[in-house]
Amino acid sequence: MSLFNRAEVIDRNFTQWVDSGDFPQSKSNSSLSRSNIKKTDLVSIFESQVLSRHMDIKARLLKDEGKCYYTIGSSGHEGNAVFGHVFSYNDIAFLHYRSGPFFLQRSKQIPDSTPIFDMALSFMASSEDPIKRR
């Protein structure tokens, strides 16, 4: 079991940074009002990024409890959620094992999909994991 929980430190630092409002200056003239992306799409992409990070944390906890055999998190790959938004769910994708944000975002295009449940099945090496059934 890990004595140092890096996720807690990152979460605390991120929360303090957002609360402070001390954000860097933009390096471009871009603005949301001049783009083709909707605010709701940005929220959806951010949600997939956060969900992926939370799934990473849960998988790590399950591994520490001996309930999950192996896990590698998607941290650092959160930007891939943008590609999950842009590309259709039926486009061919050669996913990297750290593409949780991409998977979560793209699954939003499929009605009644259960990506969080499906990822949990994968973490637990369940025979019900949809990938294993194909």
Protein backbone atom coordinates (compact mmCIF):
# COMPACT_ATOMS: atom_id res chain seq x y z
CA MET A 1 0.00 0.00 0.00
CA SER A 2 1.24 3.44 -0.91
CA LEU A 3 2.07 5.76 2.00
CA PHE A 4 1.99 8.85 -0.20
CA ASN A 5 -1.22 9.69 -2.05
CA ARG A 6 -0.14 11.84 -4.97
CA ALA A 7 -3.76 12.18 -6.16
CA GLU A 8 -4.73 13.93 -2.91
CA VAL A 9 -1.82 16.36 -3.23
CA ILE A 10 -2.68 17.14 -6.86
CA ASP A 11 -6.36 17.58 -6.01
CA ARG A 12 -5.58 19.92 -3.12
CA ASN A 13 -3.13 21.98 -5.21
CA PHE A 14 -5.56 22.20 -8.13
CA THR A 15 -8.43 23.30 -5.88
CA GLN A 16 -6.26 25.98 -4.26
CA TRP A 17 -5.10 27.21 -7.68
CA VAL A 18 -8.67 27.47 -9.03
CA ASP A 19 -9.86 29.16 -5.84
CA SER A 20 -7.07 31.74 -6.11
CA GLY A 21 -8.04 32.66 -9.69
CA ASP A 22 -4.35 33.14 -10.51
CA PHE A 23 -4.55 31.87 -14.09
CA PRO A 24 -1.91 32.41 -16.78
CA GLN A 25 -2.48 34.98 -19.51
CA SER A 26 -3.70 33.62 -22.83
CA LYS A 27 -1.05 33.37 -25.54
CA SER A 28 -3.58 33.73 -28.36
CA ASN A 29 -6.40 35.99 -29.45
CA SER A 30 -8.86 33.09 -29.50
CA SER A 31 -12.14 33.41 -27.71
CA LEU A 32 -15.08 31.13 -27.16
CA SER A 33 -17.42 33.59 -28.86
CA ARG A 34 -15.36 33.38 -32.08
CA SER A 35 -15.07 29.60 -32.12
CA ASN A 36 -17.41 26.91 -33.36
CA ILE A 37 -17.43 25.00 -30.09
CA LYS A 38 -20.35 25.29 -27.70
CA LYS A 39 -19.97 25.84 -23.98
CA THR A 40 -21.85 22.60 -23.35
CA ASP A 41 -19.29 20.72 -25.46
CA LEU A 42 -16.45 22.17 -23.40
CA VAL A 43 -18.19 21.09 -20.20
CA SER A 44 -18.74 17.62 -21.64
CA ILE A 45 -15.06 17.28 -22.59
CA PHE A 46 -13.95 18.51 -19.17
CA GLU A 47 -16.35 16.05 -17.53
CA SER A 48 -14.73 13.16 -19.43
CA GLN A 49 -11.30 14.34 -18.34
CA VAL A 50 -12.36 14.48 -14.68
CA LEU A 51 -14.21 11.16 -14.83
CA SER A 52 -11.11 9.52 -16.29
CA ARG A 53 -8.96 10.88 -13.49
CA HIS A 54 -11.44 9.64 -10.89
CA MET A 55 -11.49 6.20 -12.52
CA ASP A 56 -7.69 6.16 -12.29
CA ILE A 57 -7.86 6.95 -8.58
CA LYS A 58 -10.48 4.26 -7.94
CA ALA A 59 -8.48 1.68 -9.90
CA ARG A 60 -5.39 2.50 -7.84
CA LEU A 61 -7.36 2.09 -4.60
CA LEU A 62 -8.76 -1.24 -5.80
CA LYS A 63 -5.22 -2.37 -6.66
CA ASP A 64 -4.02 -1.41 -3.17
CA GLU A 65 -6.88 -3.51 -1.74
CA GLY A 66 -5.86 -6.49 -3.89
CA LYS A 67 -9.11 -6.34 -5.88
CA CYS A 68 -7.63 -5.09 -9.14
CA TYR A 69 -4.64 -6.82 -10.70
CA TYR A 70 -3.04 -4.12 -12.82
CA THR A 71 -3.68 -0.51 -13.67
CA ILE A 72 -1.94 2.30 -15.50
CA GLY A 73 -3.67 5.65 -15.27
CA SER A 74 -4.60 8.02 -18.06
CA SER A 75 -3.14 11.09 -16.36
CA GLY A 76 -1.37 13.26 -18.88
CA HIS A 77 -3.68 12.05 -21.63
CA GLU A 78 -6.75 14.06 -20.63
CA GLY A 79 -6.52 16.10 -23.83
CA ASN A 80 -7.50 12.99 -25.80
CA ALA A 81 -11.09 13.68 -24.74
CA VAL A 82 -11.11 16.30 -27.51
CA PHE A 83 -10.54 13.57 -30.10
CA GLY A 84 -13.31 11.51 -28.55
CA HIS A 85 -15.57 14.50 -29.12
CA VAL A 86 -14.45 15.24 -32.68
CA PHE A 87 -14.37 11.72 -34.12
CA SER A 88 -17.43 9.55 -34.59
CA TYR A 89 -17.84 6.49 -32.36
CA ASN A 90 -17.56 4.25 -35.43
CA ASP A 91 -14.27 5.75 -36.69
CA ILE A 92 -11.37 3.34 -36.42
CA ALA A 93 -9.21 4.18 -33.42
CA PHE A 94 -6.03 2.43 -32.34
CA LEU A 95 -6.36 3.29 -28.68
CA HIS A 96 -3.48 3.52 -26.29
CA TYR A 97 -4.05 1.82 -22.94
CA ARG A 98 -4.10 5.29 -21.36
CA SER A 99 -6.96 6.60 -23.51
CA GLY A 100 -9.63 6.70 -20.81
CA PRO A 101 -10.63 10.30 -21.60
CA PHE A 102 -11.01 9.47 -25.31
CA PHE A 103 -13.08 6.38 -24.52
CA LEU A 104 -15.35 8.20 -22.07
CA GLN A 105 -15.97 11.15 -24.37
CA ARG A 106 -16.61 9.10 -27.49
CA SER A 107 -19.01 6.81 -25.64
CA LYS A 108 -21.28 9.83 -25.09
CA GLN A 109 -22.24 9.49 -28.75
CA ILE A 110 -23.79 6.07 -28.09
CA PRO A 111 -27.22 6.10 -26.42
CA ASP A 112 -27.49 3.98 -23.26
CA SER A 113 -23.75 3.27 -23.16
CA THR A 114 -22.19 2.55 -19.77
CA PRO A 115 -18.52 3.53 -20.10
CA ILE A 116 -17.80 3.91 -16.38
CA PHE A 117 -19.31 0.50 -15.64
CA ASP A 118 -17.45 -0.99 -18.60
CA MET A 119 -14.15 0.45 -17.38
CA ALA A 120 -14.83 -0.95 -13.90
CA LEU A 121 -15.41 -4.39 -15.40
CA SER A 122 -12.08 -4.08 -17.18
CA PHE A 123 -10.24 -3.07 -14.01
CA MET A 124 -11.65 -6.12 -12.24
CA ALA A 125 -10.70 -8.44 -15.14
CA SER A 126 -14.35 -9.46 -15.33
CA SER A 127 -15.52 -11.96 -17.91
CA GLU A 128 -18.34 -9.44 -18.52
CA ASP A 129 -15.87 -6.79 -19.76
CA PRO A 130 -17.29 -5.81 -23.19
CA ILE A 131 -13.83 -5.87 -24.78
CA LYS A 132 -13.25 -9.46 -23.68
CA ARG A 133 -16.58 -10.51 -25.19
CA ARG A 134 -15.61 -9.46 -28.71
